[in-house]
Amino acid sequence: TGFRAELAAFRAVPVEGSGASTRVYSLESTIGY
């Protein structure tokens, strides 16, 4: 009763460290409802 569906989206997150800055992770994040 009254539930609101979660909305989600992908976002790119750079990999921290001494490697190349071109390495990124693609993460799923909840942006709202």
Full PDB file with SEQRES, HELIX, SHEET, SSBOND, CRYST1, ORIGX, SCALE, CONECT and MASTER records, all heavy atoms in Angstrom:
SEQRES   1 A   33  THR GLY PHE ARG ALA GLU LEU ALA ALA PHE ARG ALA VAL          
SEQRES   2 A   33  PRO VAL GLU GLY SER GLY ALA SER THR ARG VAL TYR SER          
SEQRES   3 A   33  LEU GLU SER THR ILE GLY TYR                                  
SHEET    1 AA1 2 LEU A   7  PRO A  14  0                                        
SHEET    2 AA1 2 VAL A  24  GLY A  32 -1                                        
CRYST1    1.000    1.000    1.000  90.00  90.00  90.00 P 1           1          
ORIGX1      1.000000  0.000000  0.000000        0.00000                         
ORIGX2      0.000000  1.000000  0.000000        0.00000                         
ORIGX3      0.000000  0.000000  1.000000        0.00000                         
SCALE1      1.000000  0.000000  0.000000        0.00000                         
SCALE2      0.000000  1.000000  0.000000        0.00000                         
SCALE3      0.000000  0.000000  1.000000        0.00000                         
ATOM      1  N   THR A   1       0.814  -1.207   0.000  1.00  0.00           N  
ATOM      2  CA  THR A   1       0.000   0.000   0.000  1.00  0.00           C  
ATOM      3  C   THR A   1       0.852   1.264   0.000  1.00  0.00           C  
ATOM      4  O   THR A   1       1.734   1.417   0.851  1.00  0.00           O  
ATOM      5  CB  THR A   1      -0.920   0.023   1.236  1.00  0.00           C  
ATOM      6  OG1 THR A   1      -1.739  -1.144   1.240  1.00  0.00           O  
ATOM      7  CG2 THR A   1      -1.804   1.265   1.226  1.00  0.00           C  
ATOM      8  N   GLY A   2       0.597   2.145  -0.964  1.00  0.00           N  
ATOM      9  CA  GLY A   2       1.278   3.433  -1.024  1.00  0.00           C  
ATOM     10  C   GLY A   2       2.734   3.384  -1.427  1.00  0.00           C  
ATOM     11  O   GLY A   2       3.430   4.401  -1.335  1.00  0.00           O  
ATOM     12  N   PHE A   3       3.235   2.249  -1.910  1.00  0.00           N  
ATOM     13  CA  PHE A   3       4.660   2.138  -2.245  1.00  0.00           C  
ATOM     14  C   PHE A   3       4.989   2.975  -3.472  1.00  0.00           C  
ATOM     15  O   PHE A   3       4.204   3.053  -4.423  1.00  0.00           O  
ATOM     16  CB  PHE A   3       5.024   0.672  -2.513  1.00  0.00           C  
ATOM     17  CG  PHE A   3       6.480   0.462  -2.828  1.00  0.00           C  
ATOM     18  CD1 PHE A   3       7.419   0.418  -1.815  1.00  0.00           C  
ATOM     19  CD2 PHE A   3       6.901   0.303  -4.142  1.00  0.00           C  
ATOM     20  CE1 PHE A   3       8.764   0.225  -2.102  1.00  0.00           C  
ATOM     21  CE2 PHE A   3       8.238   0.105  -4.442  1.00  0.00           C  
ATOM     22  CZ  PHE A   3       9.170   0.065  -3.420  1.00  0.00           C  
ATOM     23  N   ARG A   4       6.156   3.606  -3.443  1.00  0.00           N  
ATOM     24  CA  ARG A   4       6.658   4.394  -4.562  1.00  0.00           C  
ATOM     25  C   ARG A   4       7.853   3.680  -5.183  1.00  0.00           C  
ATOM     26  O   ARG A   4       8.825   3.381  -4.495  1.00  0.00           O  
ATOM     27  CB  ARG A   4       7.080   5.793  -4.098  1.00  0.00           C  
ATOM     28  CG  ARG A   4       5.903   6.704  -3.729  1.00  0.00           C  
ATOM     29  CD  ARG A   4       5.140   7.076  -5.000  1.00  0.00           C  
ATOM     30  NE  ARG A   4       4.043   7.997  -4.748  1.00  0.00           N  
ATOM     31  CZ  ARG A   4       2.791   7.627  -4.556  1.00  0.00           C  
ATOM     32  NH1 ARG A   4       2.485   6.335  -4.538  1.00  0.00           N  
ATOM     33  NH2 ARG A   4       1.837   8.500  -4.376  1.00  0.00           N  
ATOM     34  N   ALA A   5       7.770   3.407  -6.473  1.00  0.00           N  
ATOM     35  CA  ALA A   5       8.832   2.676  -7.164  1.00  0.00           C  
ATOM     36  C   ALA A   5      10.140   3.467  -7.134  1.00  0.00           C  
ATOM     37  O   ALA A   5      10.159   4.681  -7.329  1.00  0.00           O  
ATOM     38  CB  ALA A   5       8.419   2.395  -8.603  1.00  0.00           C  
ATOM     39  N   GLU A   6      11.241   2.747  -6.891  1.00  0.00           N  
ATOM     40  CA  GLU A   6      12.555   3.374  -6.909  1.00  0.00           C  
ATOM     41  C   GLU A   6      13.008   3.586  -8.347  1.00  0.00           C  
ATOM     42  O   GLU A   6      12.798   2.737  -9.216  1.00  0.00           O  
ATOM     43  CB  GLU A   6      13.578   2.501  -6.182  1.00  0.00           C  
ATOM     44  CG  GLU A   6      13.412   2.454  -4.683  1.00  0.00           C  
ATOM     45  CD  GLU A   6      14.533   1.680  -4.014  1.00  0.00           C  
ATOM     46  OE1 GLU A   6      14.416   0.452  -3.934  1.00  0.00           O  
ATOM     47  OE2 GLU A   6      15.526   2.301  -3.600  1.00  0.00           O  
ATOM     48  N   LEU A   7      13.654   4.721  -8.588  1.00  0.00           N  
ATOM     49  CA  LEU A   7      14.238   5.007  -9.888  1.00  0.00           C  
ATOM     50  C   LEU A   7      15.750   4.861  -9.780  1.00  0.00           C  
ATOM     51  O   LEU A   7      16.342   5.152  -8.742  1.00  0.00           O  
ATOM     52  CB  LEU A   7      13.885   6.421 -10.348  1.00  0.00           C  
ATOM     53  CG  LEU A   7      12.386   6.733 -10.503  1.00  0.00           C  
ATOM     54  CD1 LEU A   7      12.198   8.192 -10.914  1.00  0.00           C  
ATOM     55  CD2 LEU A   7      11.749   5.813 -11.533  1.00  0.00           C  
ATOM     56  N   ALA A   8      16.374   4.416 -10.847  1.00  0.00           N  
ATOM     57  CA  ALA A   8      17.813   4.192 -10.812  1.00  0.00           C  
ATOM     58  C   ALA A   8      18.456   4.708 -12.098  1.00  0.00           C  
ATOM     59  O   ALA A   8      17.796   4.851 -13.129  1.00  0.00           O  
ATOM     60  CB  ALA A   8      18.118   2.703 -10.630  1.00  0.00           C  
ATOM     61  N   ALA A   9      19.754   4.990 -12.023  1.00  0.00           N  
ATOM     62  CA  ALA A   9      20.493   5.483 -13.188  1.00  0.00           C  
ATOM     63  C   ALA A   9      21.946   5.047 -13.059  1.00  0.00           C  
ATOM     64  O   ALA A   9      22.422   4.723 -11.964  1.00  0.00           O  
ATOM     65  CB  ALA A   9      20.397   6.999 -13.288  1.00  0.00           C  
ATOM     66  N   PHE A  10      22.654   5.033 -14.177  1.00  0.00           N  
ATOM     67  CA  PHE A  10      24.069   4.697 -14.180  1.00  0.00           C  
ATOM     68  C   PHE A  10      24.906   5.971 -14.077  1.00  0.00           C  
ATOM     69  O   PHE A  10      24.535   7.013 -14.609  1.00  0.00           O  
ATOM     70  CB  PHE A  10      24.449   3.955 -15.463  1.00  0.00           C  
ATOM     71  CG  PHE A  10      23.883   2.572 -15.561  1.00  0.00           C  
ATOM     72  CD1 PHE A  10      22.768   2.320 -16.349  1.00  0.00           C  
ATOM     73  CD2 PHE A  10      24.449   1.518 -14.870  1.00  0.00           C  
ATOM     74  CE1 PHE A  10      22.232   1.046 -16.442  1.00  0.00           C  
ATOM     75  CE2 PHE A  10      23.927   0.244 -14.951  1.00  0.00           C  
ATOM     76  CZ  PHE A  10      22.820   0.003 -15.745  1.00  0.00           C  
ATOM     77  N   ARG A  11      26.035   5.863 -13.380  1.00  0.00           N  
ATOM     78  CA  ARG A  11      26.969   6.988 -13.330  1.00  0.00           C  
ATOM     79  C   ARG A  11      28.396   6.451 -13.365  1.00  0.00           C  
ATOM     80  O   ARG A  11      28.674   5.335 -12.905  1.00  0.00           O  
ATOM     81  CB  ARG A  11      26.755   7.816 -12.061  1.00  0.00           C  
ATOM     82  CG  ARG A  11      26.949   7.074 -10.756  1.00  0.00           C  
ATOM     83  CD  ARG A  11      26.536   7.937  -9.568  1.00  0.00           C  
ATOM     84  NE  ARG A  11      26.673   7.227  -8.305  1.00  0.00           N  
ATOM     85  CZ  ARG A  11      27.753   7.309  -7.524  1.00  0.00           C  
ATOM     86  NH1 ARG A  11      28.754   8.092  -7.892  1.00  0.00           N  
ATOM     87  NH2 ARG A  11      27.815   6.635  -6.386  1.00  0.00           N  
ATOM     88  N   ALA A  12      29.301   7.248 -13.934  1.00  0.00           N  
ATOM     89  CA  ALA A  12      30.697   6.846 -14.070  1.00  0.00           C  
ATOM     90  C   ALA A  12      31.498   7.351 -12.885  1.00  0.00           C  
ATOM     91  O   ALA A  12      31.400   8.525 -12.508  1.00  0.00           O  
ATOM     92  CB  ALA A  12      31.277   7.391 -15.364  1.00  0.00           C  
ATOM     93  N   VAL A  13      32.294   6.464 -12.285  1.00  0.00           N  
ATOM     94  CA  VAL A  13      33.126   6.813 -11.131  1.00  0.00           C  
ATOM     95  C   VAL A  13      34.576   6.477 -11.452  1.00  0.00           C  
ATOM     96  O   VAL A  13      34.899   5.310 -11.711  1.00  0.00           O  
ATOM     97  CB  VAL A  13      32.680   6.051  -9.865  1.00  0.00           C  
ATOM     98  CG1 VAL A  13      33.574   6.410  -8.686  1.00  0.00           C  
ATOM     99  CG2 VAL A  13      31.228   6.350  -9.550  1.00  0.00           C  
ATOM    100  N   PRO A  14      35.490   7.453 -11.462  1.00  0.00           N  
ATOM    101  CA  PRO A  14      36.894   7.176 -11.755  1.00  0.00           C  
ATOM    102  C   PRO A  14      37.519   6.239 -10.728  1.00  0.00           C  
ATOM    103  O   PRO A  14      37.170   6.272  -9.547  1.00  0.00           O  
ATOM    104  CB  PRO A  14      37.547   8.574 -11.703  1.00  0.00           C  
ATOM    105  CG  PRO A  14      36.419   9.530 -11.891  1.00  0.00           C  
ATOM    106  CD  PRO A  14      35.217   8.879 -11.265  1.00  0.00           C  
ATOM    107  N   VAL A  15      38.439   5.409 -11.188  1.00  0.00           N  
ATOM    108  CA  VAL A  15      39.157   4.496 -10.301  1.00  0.00           C  
ATOM    109  C   VAL A  15      40.300   5.248  -9.639  1.00  0.00           C  
ATOM    110  O   VAL A  15      41.158   5.822 -10.326  1.00  0.00           O  
ATOM    111  CB  VAL A  15      39.696   3.282 -11.083  1.00  0.00           C  
ATOM    112  CG1 VAL A  15      40.491   2.367 -10.150  1.00  0.00           C  
ATOM    113  CG2 VAL A  15      38.558   2.525 -11.730  1.00  0.00           C  
ATOM    114  N   GLU A  16      40.328   5.284  -8.310  1.00  0.00           N  
ATOM    115  CA  GLU A  16      41.388   5.985  -7.600  1.00  0.00           C  
ATOM    116  C   GLU A  16      42.634   5.109  -7.513  1.00  0.00           C  
ATOM    117  O   GLU A  16      42.559   3.891  -7.357  1.00  0.00           O  
ATOM    118  CB  GLU A  16      40.925   6.360  -6.188  1.00  0.00           C  
ATOM    119  CG  GLU A  16      39.747   7.317  -6.170  1.00  0.00           C  
ATOM    120  CD  GLU A  16      39.328   7.707  -4.769  1.00  0.00           C  
ATOM    121  OE1 GLU A  16      39.971   7.192  -3.821  1.00  0.00           O  
ATOM    122  OE2 GLU A  16      38.384   8.503  -4.621  1.00  0.00           O  
ATOM    123  N   GLY A  17      43.796   5.746  -7.627  1.00  0.00           N  
ATOM    124  CA  GLY A  17      45.043   5.004  -7.549  1.00  0.00           C  
ATOM    125  C   GLY A  17      46.080   5.594  -8.490  1.00  0.00           C  
ATOM    126  O   GLY A  17      45.895   6.668  -9.072  1.00  0.00           O  
ATOM    127  N   SER A  18      47.168   4.875  -8.662  1.00  0.00           N  
ATOM    128  CA  SER A  18      48.280   5.360  -9.479  1.00  0.00           C  
ATOM    129  C   SER A  18      48.162   4.951 -10.943  1.00  0.00           C  
ATOM    130  O   SER A  18      49.027   5.268 -11.738  1.00  0.00           O  
ATOM    131  CB  SER A  18      49.599   4.816  -8.912  1.00  0.00           C  
ATOM    132  OG  SER A  18      49.575   3.387  -8.889  1.00  0.00           O  
ATOM    133  N   GLY A  19      47.091   4.256 -11.296  1.00  0.00           N  
ATOM    134  CA  GLY A  19      46.919   3.814 -12.674  1.00  0.00           C  
ATOM    135  C   GLY A  19      46.455   4.931 -13.579  1.00  0.00           C  
ATOM    136  O   GLY A  19      46.386   6.103 -13.205  1.00  0.00           O  
ATOM    137  N   ALA A  20      46.123   4.544 -14.803  1.00  0.00           N  
ATOM    138  CA  ALA A  20      45.683   5.515 -15.799  1.00  0.00           C  
ATOM    139  C   ALA A  20      44.346   6.125 -15.391  1.00  0.00           C  
ATOM    140  O   ALA A  20      43.482   5.444 -14.855  1.00  0.00           O  
ATOM    141  CB  ALA A  20      45.558   4.847 -17.168  1.00  0.00           C  
ATOM    142  N   SER A  21      44.184   7.424 -15.643  1.00  0.00           N  
ATOM    143  CA  SER A  21      42.962   8.121 -15.264  1.00  0.00           C  
ATOM    144  C   SER A  21      41.784   7.772 -16.163  1.00  0.00           C  
ATOM    145  O   SER A  21      40.665   8.207 -15.919  1.00  0.00           O  
ATOM    146  CB  SER A  21      43.204   9.638 -15.306  1.00  0.00           C  
ATOM    147  OG  SER A  21      43.596  10.029 -16.613  1.00  0.00           O  
ATOM    148  N   THR A  22      42.054   6.988 -17.217  1.00  0.00           N  
ATOM    149  CA  THR A  22      40.966   6.608 -18.127  1.00  0.00           C  
ATOM    150  C   THR A  22      40.139   5.460 -17.587  1.00  0.00           C  
ATOM    151  O   THR A  22      39.108   5.117 -18.170  1.00  0.00           O  
ATOM    152  CB  THR A  22      41.549   6.196 -19.500  1.00  0.00           C  
ATOM    153  OG1 THR A  22      42.480   5.118 -19.296  1.00  0.00           O  
ATOM    154  CG2 THR A  22      42.241   7.369 -20.163  1.00  0.00           C  
ATOM    155  N   ARG A  23      40.559   4.869 -16.473  1.00  0.00           N  
ATOM    156  CA  ARG A  23      39.843   3.738 -15.922  1.00  0.00           C  
ATOM    157  C   ARG A  23      38.684   4.239 -15.059  1.00  0.00           C  
ATOM    158  O   ARG A  23      38.898   4.985 -14.100  1.00  0.00           O  
ATOM    159  CB  ARG A  23      40.753   2.848 -15.078  1.00  0.00           C  
ATOM    160  CG  ARG A  23      42.000   2.365 -15.807  1.00  0.00           C  
ATOM    161  CD  ARG A  23      41.653   1.504 -17.014  1.00  0.00           C  
ATOM    162  NE  ARG A  23      42.846   0.961 -17.628  1.00  0.00           N  
ATOM    163  CZ  ARG A  23      43.472   1.527 -18.665  1.00  0.00           C  
ATOM    164  NH1 ARG A  23      42.997   2.653 -19.165  1.00  0.00           N  
ATOM    165  NH2 ARG A  23      44.543   0.971 -19.180  1.00  0.00           N  
ATOM    166  N   VAL A  24      37.478   3.837 -15.395  1.00  0.00           N  
ATOM    167  CA  VAL A  24      36.302   4.247 -14.633  1.00  0.00           C  
ATOM    168  C   VAL A  24      35.394   3.046 -14.413  1.00  0.00           C  
ATOM    169  O   VAL A  24      35.382   2.102 -15.204  1.00  0.00           O  
ATOM    170  CB  VAL A  24      35.510   5.364 -15.340  1.00  0.00           C  
ATOM    171  CG1 VAL A  24      36.336   6.624 -15.467  1.00  0.00           C  
ATOM    172  CG2 VAL A  24      35.018   4.893 -16.699  1.00  0.00           C  
ATOM    173  N   TYR A  25      34.661   3.091 -13.304  1.00  0.00           N  
ATOM    174  CA  TYR A  25      33.631   2.103 -13.029  1.00  0.00           C  
ATOM    175  C   TYR A  25      32.276   2.705 -13.399  1.00  0.00           C  
ATOM    176  O   TYR A  25      32.054   3.903 -13.275  1.00  0.00           O  
ATOM    177  CB  TYR A  25      33.603   1.732 -11.538  1.00  0.00           C  
ATOM    178  CG  TYR A  25      34.712   0.815 -11.109  1.00  0.00           C  
ATOM    179  CD1 TYR A  25      35.768   1.292 -10.338  1.00  0.00           C  
ATOM    180  CD2 TYR A  25      34.698  -0.527 -11.462  1.00  0.00           C  
ATOM    181  CE1 TYR A  25      36.778   0.445  -9.924  1.00  0.00           C  
ATOM    182  CE2 TYR A  25      35.706  -1.375 -11.059  1.00  0.00           C  
ATOM    183  CZ  TYR A  25      36.753  -0.887 -10.286  1.00  0.00           C  
ATOM    184  OH  TYR A  25      37.751  -1.716  -9.880  1.00  0.00           O  
ATOM    185  N   SER A  26      31.397   1.852 -13.838  1.00  0.00           N  
ATOM    186  CA  SER A  26      30.020   2.271 -14.088  1.00  0.00           C  
ATOM    187  C   SER A  26      29.166   1.730 -12.938  1.00  0.00           C  
ATOM    188  O   SER A  26      29.094   0.522 -12.727  1.00  0.00           O  
ATOM    189  CB  SER A  26      29.522   1.706 -15.424  1.00  0.00           C  
ATOM    190  OG  SER A  26      28.209   2.115 -15.676  1.00  0.00           O  
ATOM    191  N   LEU A  27      28.552   2.641 -12.180  1.00  0.00           N  
ATOM    192  CA  LEU A  27      27.786   2.257 -11.004  1.00  0.00           C  
ATOM    193  C   LEU A  27      26.314   2.569 -11.181  1.00  0.00           C  
ATOM    194  O   LEU A  27      25.939   3.553 -11.815  1.00  0.00           O  
ATOM    195  CB  LEU A  27      28.305   2.978  -9.761  1.00  0.00           C  
ATOM    196  CG  LEU A  27      29.733   2.667  -9.314  1.00  0.00           C  
ATOM    197  CD1 LEU A  27      30.068   3.458  -8.064  1.00  0.00           C  
ATOM    198  CD2 LEU A  27      29.912   1.179  -9.057  1.00  0.00           C  
ATOM    199  N   GLU A  28      25.486   1.726 -10.598  1.00  0.00           N  
ATOM    200  CA  GLU A  28      24.043   1.946 -10.572  1.00  0.00           C  
ATOM    201  C   GLU A  28      23.709   2.711  -9.307  1.00  0.00           C  
ATOM    202  O   GLU A  28      24.108   2.320  -8.208  1.00  0.00           O  
ATOM    203  CB  GLU A  28      23.317   0.602 -10.576  1.00  0.00           C  
ATOM    204  CG  GLU A  28      21.831   0.683 -10.318  1.00  0.00           C  
ATOM    205  CD  GLU A  28      21.043   0.882 -11.599  1.00  0.00           C  
ATOM    206  OE1 GLU A  28      21.660   1.049 -12.644  1.00  0.00           O  
ATOM    207  OE2 GLU A  28      19.816   0.880 -11.524  1.00  0.00           O  
ATOM    208  N   SER A  29      23.006   3.833  -9.420  1.00  0.00           N  
ATOM    209  CA  SER A  29      22.658   4.627  -8.251  1.00  0.00           C  
ATOM    210  C   SER A  29      21.164   4.939  -8.256  1.00  0.00           C  
ATOM    211  O   SER A  29      20.573   5.161  -9.314  1.00  0.00           O  
ATOM    212  CB  SER A  29      23.450   5.940  -8.230  1.00  0.00           C  
ATOM    213  OG  SER A  29      23.182   6.701  -9.395  1.00  0.00           O  
ATOM    214  N   THR A  30      20.572   4.926  -7.062  1.00  0.00           N  
ATOM    215  CA  THR A  30      19.154   5.266  -6.930  1.00  0.00           C  
ATOM    216  C   THR A  30      19.014   6.781  -6.908  1.00  0.00           C  
ATOM    217  O   THR A  30      19.560   7.439  -6.031  1.00  0.00           O  
ATOM    218  CB  THR A  30      18.571   4.666  -5.642  1.00  0.00           C  
ATOM    219  OG1 THR A  30      18.723   3.244  -5.687  1.00  0.00           O  
ATOM    220  CG2 THR A  30      17.092   4.996  -5.509  1.00  0.00           C  
ATOM    221  N   ILE A  31      18.304   7.336  -7.880  1.00  0.00           N  
ATOM    222  CA  ILE A  31      18.202   8.785  -8.003  1.00  0.00           C  
ATOM    223  C   ILE A  31      16.916   9.340  -7.407  1.00  0.00           C  
ATOM    224  O   ILE A  31      16.707  10.546  -7.385  1.00  0.00           O  
ATOM    225  CB  ILE A  31      18.297   9.210  -9.475  1.00  0.00           C  
ATOM    226  CG1 ILE A  31      17.181   8.549 -10.295  1.00  0.00           C  
ATOM    227  CG2 ILE A  31      19.650   8.851 -10.042  1.00  0.00           C  
ATOM    228  CD1 ILE A  31      17.134   9.013 -11.729  1.00  0.00           C  
ATOM    229  N   GLY A  32      16.067   8.480  -6.914  1.00  0.00           N  
ATOM    230  CA  GLY A  32      14.825   8.974  -6.328  1.00  0.00           C  
ATOM    231  C   GLY A  32      13.709   7.961  -6.468  1.00  0.00           C  
ATOM    232  O   GLY A  32      13.948   6.755  -6.478  1.00  0.00           O  
ATOM    233  N   TYR A  33      12.499   8.463  -6.606  1.00  0.00           N  
ATOM    234  CA  TYR A  33      11.340   7.586  -6.681  1.00  0.00           C  
ATOM    235  C   TYR A  33      10.336   8.133  -7.683  1.00  0.00           C  
ATOM    236  O   TYR A  33      10.350   9.316  -8.037  1.00  0.00           O  
ATOM    237  CB  TYR A  33      10.677   7.460  -5.304  1.00  0.00           C  
ATOM    238  CG  TYR A  33      10.228   8.789  -4.719  1.00  0.00           C  
ATOM    239  CD1 TYR A  33       8.943   9.292  -4.952  1.00  0.00           C  
ATOM    240  CD2 TYR A  33      11.086   9.552  -3.943  1.00  0.00           C  
ATOM    241  CE1 TYR A  33       8.537  10.503  -4.434  1.00  0.00           C  
ATOM    242  CE2 TYR A  33      10.696  10.767  -3.418  1.00  0.00           C  
ATOM    243  CZ  TYR A  33       9.424  11.244  -3.662  1.00  0.00           C  
ATOM    244  OH  TYR A  33       9.028  12.448  -3.153  1.00  0.00           O  
TER     245      TYR A  33                                                      
MASTER        0    0    0    0    2    0    0    6  244    1    0    3          
END                                                                             
